[in-house]
Amino acid sequence: MLVLTEAQPGDAARIADFHMAAFGSNQLLLAQFPTPAVREGLRTSLVEKVQAELYARSPVGYPRNLSFIATDPAYGRCGAGSLLMNWALKRAEKETVPVALESTMDAVPFYERLGFRTEAQISMSLGGPGEEFMPYEERFLVFRPNSFPI
């Protein structure tokens, strides 16, 4: 049985590790952070961002932007992502605020099942000098609570 607990500052390194594991083969991440040394820098910055966000408090009524959402690959397809997202969406309903995120194409159906709607498409070609350019797409999705005025 999975249990959702509030993250603590000591969890920041582990959160960064499973983010890196979940997105380690993502084309955009690899284009932005092309070498292992640069990706280690990303991991370090993720640890710092997680620690900072654990201490930050968003004002009530302020829209939520979910960034760096990932499930530890060891718990993929076990309900961990749904557990986390349902918690966030219940909080959004309670606070009557929208929730926004960017999603890889693989995850769009998951977010749509939760009530997110695509509001924008992100398309680009990725590649470096001497490399073949490859198309890359993401979606910008928003969840609006039922009580949120459109």
N, C-alpha and C. Protein backbone atom coordinates (compact mmCIF):
# COMPACT_ATOMS: atom_id res chain seq x y z
N MET A 1 0.84 -1.18 0.00
CA MET A 1 0.00 0.00 0.00
C MET A 1 0.89 1.24 0.00
N LEU A 2 0.57 2.18 -0.86
CA LEU A 2 1.31 3.43 -0.94
C LEU A 2 0.70 4.45 0.01
N VAL A 3 1.56 5.21 0.67
CA VAL A 3 1.11 6.25 1.59
C VAL A 3 1.83 7.54 1.21
N LEU A 4 1.08 8.61 1.05
CA LEU A 4 1.66 9.91 0.72
C LEU A 4 2.01 10.63 2.02
N THR A 5 3.26 11.04 2.14
CA THR A 5 3.69 11.82 3.30
C THR A 5 4.29 13.12 2.82
N GLU A 6 4.27 14.11 3.67
CA GLU A 6 4.83 15.41 3.32
C GLU A 6 6.35 15.31 3.21
N ALA A 7 6.88 15.85 2.13
CA ALA A 7 8.34 15.83 1.93
C ALA A 7 9.02 16.69 2.99
N GLN A 8 10.19 16.26 3.38
CA GLN A 8 11.01 16.97 4.35
C GLN A 8 12.30 17.41 3.65
N PRO A 9 12.98 18.43 4.19
CA PRO A 9 14.22 18.89 3.56
C PRO A 9 15.24 17.76 3.32
N GLY A 10 15.28 16.79 4.20
CA GLY A 10 16.20 15.66 4.02
C GLY A 10 15.85 14.76 2.85
N ASP A 11 14.65 14.93 2.29
CA ASP A 11 14.21 14.12 1.15
C ASP A 11 14.65 14.71 -0.19
N ALA A 12 15.21 15.92 -0.18
CA ALA A 12 15.48 16.66 -1.41
C ALA A 12 16.39 15.88 -2.37
N ALA A 13 17.44 15.26 -1.88
CA ALA A 13 18.36 14.53 -2.75
C ALA A 13 17.66 13.34 -3.40
N ARG A 14 16.85 12.63 -2.65
CA ARG A 14 16.13 11.49 -3.21
C ARG A 14 15.10 11.94 -4.25
N ILE A 15 14.43 13.06 -3.99
CA ILE A 15 13.47 13.60 -4.96
C ILE A 15 14.20 13.95 -6.25
N ALA A 16 15.35 14.59 -6.14
CA ALA A 16 16.14 14.92 -7.33
C ALA A 16 16.59 13.66 -8.05
N ASP A 17 16.98 12.63 -7.30
CA ASP A 17 17.43 11.38 -7.92
C ASP A 17 16.32 10.72 -8.73
N PHE A 18 15.11 10.65 -8.18
CA PHE A 18 14.09 9.98 -8.99
C PHE A 18 13.56 10.86 -10.09
N HIS A 19 13.70 12.18 -9.97
CA HIS A 19 13.39 13.04 -11.11
C HIS A 19 14.37 12.76 -12.24
N MET A 20 15.65 12.68 -11.90
CA MET A 20 16.67 12.41 -12.92
C MET A 20 16.47 11.02 -13.53
N ALA A 21 16.08 10.04 -12.73
CA ALA A 21 15.84 8.70 -13.25
C ALA A 21 14.62 8.68 -14.18
N ALA A 22 13.56 9.39 -13.79
CA ALA A 22 12.33 9.40 -14.58
C ALA A 22 12.50 10.15 -15.90
N PHE A 23 13.30 11.21 -15.89
CA PHE A 23 13.45 12.04 -17.08
C PHE A 23 14.81 11.88 -17.76
N GLY A 24 15.60 10.93 -17.32
CA GLY A 24 16.96 10.77 -17.83
C GLY A 24 17.07 10.51 -19.31
N SER A 25 16.03 9.98 -19.94
CA SER A 25 16.07 9.73 -21.38
C SER A 25 15.22 10.73 -22.16
N ASN A 26 14.68 11.75 -21.49
CA ASN A 26 13.86 12.77 -22.13
C ASN A 26 14.71 13.58 -23.11
N GLN A 27 14.25 13.70 -24.35
CA GLN A 27 15.01 14.38 -25.39
C GLN A 27 15.33 15.83 -25.02
N LEU A 28 14.38 16.54 -24.45
CA LEU A 28 14.60 17.93 -24.10
C LEU A 28 15.64 18.06 -22.99
N LEU A 29 15.55 17.21 -21.98
CA LEU A 29 16.54 17.24 -20.91
C LEU A 29 17.93 16.96 -21.47
N LEU A 30 18.04 15.97 -22.33
CA LEU A 30 19.35 15.63 -22.89
C LEU A 30 19.89 16.73 -23.80
N ALA A 31 19.00 17.46 -24.49
CA ALA A 31 19.45 18.56 -25.33
C ALA A 31 19.92 19.74 -24.48
N GLN A 32 19.22 20.00 -23.40
CA GLN A 32 19.58 21.12 -22.53
C GLN A 32 20.78 20.81 -21.65
N PHE A 33 20.93 19.55 -21.29
CA PHE A 33 21.99 19.13 -20.37
C PHE A 33 22.72 17.95 -21.01
N PRO A 34 23.57 18.22 -22.02
CA PRO A 34 24.09 17.16 -22.88
C PRO A 34 25.18 16.25 -22.30
N THR A 35 25.85 16.66 -21.23
CA THR A 35 26.94 15.83 -20.72
C THR A 35 26.62 15.37 -19.29
N PRO A 36 27.23 14.28 -18.86
CA PRO A 36 27.01 13.84 -17.48
C PRO A 36 27.35 14.91 -16.45
N ALA A 37 28.40 15.69 -16.69
CA ALA A 37 28.78 16.74 -15.73
C ALA A 37 27.71 17.82 -15.66
N VAL A 38 27.15 18.19 -16.79
CA VAL A 38 26.10 19.21 -16.81
C VAL A 38 24.83 18.66 -16.16
N ARG A 39 24.53 17.38 -16.39
CA ARG A 39 23.35 16.77 -15.75
C ARG A 39 23.54 16.68 -14.23
N GLU A 40 24.77 16.48 -13.77
CA GLU A 40 25.01 16.49 -12.32
C GLU A 40 24.76 17.89 -11.76
N GLY A 41 25.09 18.90 -12.55
CA GLY A 41 24.76 20.27 -12.14
C GLY A 41 23.25 20.48 -12.03
N LEU A 42 22.51 19.90 -12.97
CA LEU A 42 21.05 19.96 -12.91
C LEU A 42 20.56 19.28 -11.64
N ARG A 43 21.08 18.11 -11.35
CA ARG A 43 20.67 17.40 -10.13
C ARG A 43 20.92 18.26 -8.89
N THR A 44 22.08 18.89 -8.82
CA THR A 44 22.41 19.76 -7.69
C THR A 44 21.41 20.91 -7.59
N SER A 45 21.07 21.51 -8.72
CA SER A 45 20.11 22.62 -8.69
C SER A 45 18.72 22.14 -8.31
N LEU A 46 18.36 20.90 -8.70
CA LEU A 46 17.07 20.34 -8.29
C LEU A 46 17.01 20.15 -6.78
N VAL A 47 18.09 19.67 -6.19
CA VAL A 47 18.13 19.51 -4.72
C VAL A 47 17.89 20.87 -4.07
N GLU A 48 18.56 21.90 -4.55
CA GLU A 48 18.40 23.23 -3.98
C GLU A 48 16.99 23.77 -4.18
N LYS A 49 16.41 23.53 -5.37
CA LYS A 49 15.04 23.99 -5.65
C LYS A 49 14.04 23.28 -4.75
N VAL A 50 14.19 21.98 -4.58
CA VAL A 50 13.28 21.24 -3.70
C VAL A 50 13.38 21.77 -2.28
N GLN A 51 14.59 21.96 -1.79
CA GLN A 51 14.76 22.48 -0.44
C GLN A 51 14.11 23.85 -0.29
N ALA A 52 14.30 24.73 -1.26
CA ALA A 52 13.70 26.06 -1.20
C ALA A 52 12.18 25.99 -1.22
N GLU A 53 11.63 25.12 -2.08
CA GLU A 53 10.17 25.04 -2.18
C GLU A 53 9.54 24.41 -0.95
N LEU A 54 10.28 23.57 -0.25
CA LEU A 54 9.72 22.99 0.97
C LEU A 54 9.53 24.04 2.05
N TYR A 55 10.30 25.11 2.00
CA TYR A 55 10.18 26.19 2.98
C TYR A 55 9.27 27.31 2.51
N ALA A 56 9.02 27.38 1.20
CA ALA A 56 8.20 28.45 0.65
C ALA A 56 6.72 28.13 0.86
N ARG A 57 5.97 29.14 1.07
CA ARG A 57 4.52 28.99 1.19
C ARG A 57 3.86 29.89 0.16
N SER A 58 3.13 29.30 -0.76
CA SER A 58 2.40 30.11 -1.74
C SER A 58 1.19 30.71 -1.06
N PRO A 59 0.86 31.95 -1.39
CA PRO A 59 -0.33 32.55 -0.80
C PRO A 59 -1.58 31.78 -1.23
N VAL A 60 -2.55 31.70 -0.35
CA VAL A 60 -3.82 31.05 -0.68
C VAL A 60 -4.45 31.81 -1.85
N GLY A 61 -4.98 31.07 -2.80
CA GLY A 61 -5.61 31.68 -3.96
C GLY A 61 -4.66 31.92 -5.12
N TYR A 62 -3.38 31.63 -4.92
CA TYR A 62 -2.39 31.83 -5.97
C TYR A 62 -2.34 30.57 -6.83
N PRO A 63 -2.39 30.70 -8.18
CA PRO A 63 -2.37 29.50 -9.03
C PRO A 63 -1.13 28.63 -8.75
N ARG A 64 -1.30 27.35 -8.87
CA ARG A 64 -0.22 26.40 -8.63
C ARG A 64 0.39 25.98 -9.96
N ASN A 65 1.71 25.95 -10.00
CA ASN A 65 2.43 25.43 -11.16
C ASN A 65 3.22 24.22 -10.68
N LEU A 66 2.82 23.06 -11.13
CA LEU A 66 3.49 21.84 -10.73
C LEU A 66 4.69 21.62 -11.64
N SER A 67 5.87 21.70 -11.08
CA SER A 67 7.07 21.49 -11.87
C SER A 67 7.83 20.29 -11.32
N PHE A 68 8.56 19.65 -12.19
CA PHE A 68 9.39 18.52 -11.80
C PHE A 68 8.57 17.39 -11.16
N ILE A 69 7.41 17.12 -11.72
CA ILE A 69 6.57 16.04 -11.23
C ILE A 69 7.06 14.74 -11.87
N ALA A 70 7.39 13.79 -11.03
CA ALA A 70 7.86 12.50 -11.54
C ALA A 70 7.60 11.43 -10.48
N THR A 71 7.43 10.23 -10.96
CA THR A 71 7.29 9.09 -10.06
C THR A 71 8.60 8.32 -10.08
N ASP A 72 9.02 7.89 -8.93
CA ASP A 72 10.20 7.03 -8.85
C ASP A 72 9.95 5.85 -9.79
N PRO A 73 10.83 5.62 -10.75
CA PRO A 73 10.60 4.51 -11.70
C PRO A 73 10.34 3.16 -11.03
N ALA A 74 10.85 2.97 -9.83
CA ALA A 74 10.60 1.72 -9.12
C ALA A 74 9.12 1.56 -8.75
N TYR A 75 8.36 2.67 -8.74
CA TYR A 75 6.95 2.63 -8.37
C TYR A 75 6.05 3.02 -9.53
N GLY A 76 6.58 3.01 -10.75
CA GLY A 76 5.78 3.32 -11.92
C GLY A 76 4.64 2.34 -12.10
N ARG A 77 3.50 2.86 -12.50
CA ARG A 77 2.29 2.07 -12.77
C ARG A 77 1.76 1.35 -11.53
N CYS A 78 2.08 1.91 -10.37
CA CYS A 78 1.59 1.34 -9.10
C CYS A 78 0.59 2.27 -8.41
N GLY A 79 0.29 3.42 -9.01
CA GLY A 79 -0.65 4.36 -8.41
C GLY A 79 0.01 5.51 -7.67
N ALA A 80 1.33 5.56 -7.64
CA ALA A 80 2.00 6.64 -6.91
C ALA A 80 1.72 8.00 -7.55
N GLY A 81 1.78 8.08 -8.87
CA GLY A 81 1.50 9.34 -9.55
C GLY A 81 0.07 9.80 -9.33
N SER A 82 -0.87 8.88 -9.40
CA SER A 82 -2.27 9.23 -9.15
C SER A 82 -2.48 9.70 -7.72
N LEU A 83 -1.84 9.03 -6.78
CA LEU A 83 -1.95 9.43 -5.38
C LEU A 83 -1.45 10.87 -5.20
N LEU A 84 -0.30 11.17 -5.76
CA LEU A 84 0.27 12.51 -5.65
C LEU A 84 -0.62 13.56 -6.33
N MET A 85 -1.04 13.27 -7.55
CA MET A 85 -1.85 14.25 -8.29
C MET A 85 -3.22 14.45 -7.66
N ASN A 86 -3.84 13.39 -7.15
CA ASN A 86 -5.14 13.56 -6.50
C ASN A 86 -5.03 14.44 -5.27
N TRP A 87 -3.93 14.31 -4.53
CA TRP A 87 -3.70 15.19 -3.38
C TRP A 87 -3.63 16.64 -3.84
N ALA A 88 -2.84 16.90 -4.90
CA ALA A 88 -2.68 18.27 -5.40
C ALA A 88 -4.00 18.83 -5.91
N LEU A 89 -4.78 18.02 -6.60
CA LEU A 89 -6.03 18.51 -7.17
C LEU A 89 -7.08 18.75 -6.11
N LYS A 90 -7.11 17.94 -5.07
CA LYS A 90 -8.03 18.20 -3.94
C LYS A 90 -7.68 19.51 -3.27
N ARG A 91 -6.40 19.78 -3.13
CA ARG A 91 -5.95 21.04 -2.53
C ARG A 91 -6.36 22.21 -3.43
N ALA A 92 -6.21 22.04 -4.75
CA ALA A 92 -6.61 23.09 -5.69
C ALA A 92 -8.12 23.36 -5.59
N GLU A 93 -8.91 22.29 -5.48
CA GLU A 93 -10.36 22.45 -5.32
C GLU A 93 -10.67 23.23 -4.04
N LYS A 94 -10.02 22.85 -2.95
CA LYS A 94 -10.25 23.51 -1.66
C LYS A 94 -9.89 24.99 -1.71
N GLU A 95 -8.78 25.31 -2.38
CA GLU A 95 -8.31 26.68 -2.45
C GLU A 95 -8.89 27.44 -3.65
N THR A 96 -9.65 26.74 -4.51
CA THR A 96 -10.24 27.31 -5.71
C THR A 96 -9.19 27.99 -6.58
N VAL A 97 -8.14 27.25 -6.91
CA VAL A 97 -7.08 27.77 -7.77
C VAL A 97 -6.80 26.77 -8.89
N PRO A 98 -6.42 27.26 -10.06
CA PRO A 98 -6.04 26.36 -11.15
C PRO A 98 -4.66 25.77 -10.90
N VAL A 99 -4.40 24.66 -11.57
CA VAL A 99 -3.09 24.01 -11.52
C VAL A 99 -2.60 23.87 -12.95
N ALA A 100 -1.35 24.28 -13.19
CA ALA A 100 -0.78 24.23 -14.53
C ALA A 100 0.49 23.38 -14.53
N LEU A 101 0.76 22.73 -15.66
CA LEU A 101 1.99 21.96 -15.80
C LEU A 101 2.31 21.74 -17.27
N GLU A 102 3.56 21.43 -17.54
CA GLU A 102 3.99 21.00 -18.86
C GLU A 102 4.14 19.49 -18.80
N SER A 103 3.72 18.83 -19.86
CA SER A 103 3.74 17.36 -19.88
C SER A 103 4.39 16.83 -21.14
N THR A 104 5.15 15.75 -20.97
CA THR A 104 5.61 15.00 -22.14
C THR A 104 4.39 14.38 -22.80
N MET A 105 4.50 14.04 -24.06
CA MET A 105 3.37 13.48 -24.79
C MET A 105 2.92 12.15 -24.19
N ASP A 106 3.85 11.36 -23.67
CA ASP A 106 3.50 10.08 -23.06
C ASP A 106 2.57 10.23 -21.88
N ALA A 107 2.69 11.33 -21.14
CA ALA A 107 1.91 11.51 -19.91
C ALA A 107 0.62 12.30 -20.12
N VAL A 108 0.41 12.88 -21.30
CA VAL A 108 -0.80 13.68 -21.53
C VAL A 108 -2.08 12.90 -21.22
N PRO A 109 -2.24 11.65 -21.68
CA PRO A 109 -3.48 10.92 -21.37
C PRO A 109 -3.71 10.77 -19.85
N PHE A 110 -2.65 10.56 -19.09
CA PHE A 110 -2.77 10.46 -17.63
C PHE A 110 -3.35 11.74 -17.06
N TYR A 111 -2.81 12.89 -17.45
CA TYR A 111 -3.30 14.16 -16.92
C TYR A 111 -4.71 14.47 -17.41
N GLU A 112 -5.02 14.10 -18.64
CA GLU A 112 -6.38 14.32 -19.15
C GLU A 112 -7.40 13.52 -18.35
N ARG A 113 -7.04 12.29 -17.97
CA ARG A 113 -7.96 11.48 -17.15
C ARG A 113 -8.24 12.14 -15.80
N LEU A 114 -7.30 12.96 -15.32
CA LEU A 114 -7.47 13.65 -14.05
C LEU A 114 -8.22 14.97 -14.19
N GLY A 115 -8.55 15.36 -15.41
CA GLY A 115 -9.32 16.59 -15.62
C GLY A 115 -8.52 17.76 -16.18
N PHE A 116 -7.25 17.56 -16.48
CA PHE A 116 -6.46 18.62 -17.11
C PHE A 116 -6.88 18.75 -18.57
N ARG A 117 -6.78 19.97 -19.09
CA ARG A 117 -7.07 20.23 -20.49
C ARG A 117 -5.87 20.93 -21.13
N THR A 118 -5.57 20.55 -22.37
CA THR A 118 -4.47 21.17 -23.09
C THR A 118 -4.83 22.61 -23.44
N GLU A 119 -3.93 23.53 -23.09
CA GLU A 119 -4.14 24.94 -23.41
C GLU A 119 -3.11 25.45 -24.40
N ALA A 120 -2.00 24.75 -24.56
CA ALA A 120 -0.99 25.16 -25.52
C ALA A 120 -0.14 23.95 -25.90
N GLN A 121 0.43 24.04 -27.08
CA GLN A 121 1.33 23.00 -27.58
C GLN A 121 2.73 23.57 -27.68
N ILE A 122 3.70 22.82 -27.25
CA ILE A 122 5.09 23.22 -27.33
C ILE A 122 5.75 22.29 -28.34
N SER A 123 6.26 22.85 -29.43
CA SER A 123 6.90 22.05 -30.48
C SER A 123 8.23 22.68 -30.84
N MET A 124 9.24 21.85 -31.01
CA MET A 124 10.56 22.33 -31.40
C MET A 124 11.34 21.19 -32.02
N SER A 125 12.44 21.55 -32.64
CA SER A 125 13.38 20.55 -33.15
C SER A 125 14.59 20.55 -32.24
N LEU A 126 15.02 19.37 -31.86
CA LEU A 126 16.17 19.24 -30.97
C LEU A 126 17.33 18.58 -31.71
N GLY A 127 18.51 19.08 -31.46
CA GLY A 127 19.72 18.52 -32.04
C GLY A 127 20.85 19.52 -31.89
N GLY A 128 22.03 19.03 -31.96
CA GLY A 128 23.20 19.89 -31.82
C GLY A 128 24.02 19.90 -33.08
N PRO A 129 25.15 20.59 -33.04
CA PRO A 129 26.02 20.65 -34.22
C PRO A 129 26.39 19.24 -34.69
N GLY A 130 26.17 18.98 -35.96
CA GLY A 130 26.50 17.69 -36.54
C GLY A 130 25.49 16.59 -36.24
N GLU A 131 24.41 16.93 -35.55
CA GLU A 131 23.39 15.92 -35.21
C GLU A 131 22.15 16.14 -36.08
N GLU A 132 21.43 15.07 -36.29
CA GLU A 132 20.16 15.17 -36.99
C GLU A 132 19.14 15.80 -36.04
N PHE A 133 18.36 16.76 -36.52
CA PHE A 133 17.35 17.39 -35.69
C PHE A 133 16.14 16.47 -35.60
N MET A 134 15.59 16.38 -34.39
CA MET A 134 14.44 15.52 -34.15
C MET A 134 13.30 16.37 -33.59
N PRO A 135 12.07 16.09 -34.02
CA PRO A 135 10.94 16.86 -33.47
C PRO A 135 10.71 16.49 -32.00
N TYR A 136 10.31 17.47 -31.23
CA TYR A 136 9.99 17.24 -29.81
C TYR A 136 8.74 18.03 -29.50
N GLU A 137 7.83 17.41 -28.75
CA GLU A 137 6.58 18.07 -28.38
C GLU A 137 6.26 17.84 -26.92
N GLU A 138 5.66 18.84 -26.33
CA GLU A 138 5.07 18.77 -25.00
C GLU A 138 3.74 19.50 -25.06
N ARG A 139 2.96 19.37 -24.02
CA ARG A 139 1.70 20.09 -23.89
C ARG A 139 1.72 20.88 -22.59
N PHE A 140 1.10 22.06 -22.64
CA PHE A 140 0.87 22.86 -21.44
C PHE A 140 -0.57 22.59 -21.06
N LEU A 141 -0.77 22.03 -19.87
CA LEU A 141 -2.10 21.62 -19.43
C LEU A 141 -2.51 22.39 -18.18
N VAL A 142 -3.82 22.60 -18.05
CA VAL A 142 -4.35 23.32 -16.89
C VAL A 142 -5.54 22.54 -16.35
N PHE A 143 -5.57 22.43 -15.02
CA PHE A 143 -6.73 21.88 -14.31
C PHE A 143 -7.43 23.06 -13.64
N ARG A 144 -8.72 23.20 -13.92
CA ARG A 144 -9.49 24.25 -13.28
C ARG A 144 -10.55 23.59 -12.40
N PRO A 145 -10.50 23.89 -11.10
CA PRO A 145 -11.50 23.31 -10.20
C PRO A 145 -12.91 23.67 -10.66
N ASN A 146 -13.86 22.81 -10.35
CA ASN A 146 -15.25 23.04 -10.75
C ASN A 146 -15.77 24.38 -10.27
N SER A 147 -15.28 24.83 -9.12
CA SER A 147 -15.76 26.09 -8.56
C SER A 147 -14.98 27.29 -9.06
N PHE A 148 -13.98 27.07 -9.95
CA PHE A 148 -13.15 28.15 -10.45
C PHE A 148 -13.88 28.87 -11.57
N PRO A 149 -14.02 30.21 -11.47
CA PRO A 149 -14.69 30.93 -12.55
C PRO A 149 -13.85 30.95 -13.82
N ILE A 150 -14.47 30.65 -14.94
CA ILE A 150 -13.74 30.62 -16.22
C ILE A 150 -13.70 32.01 -16.81
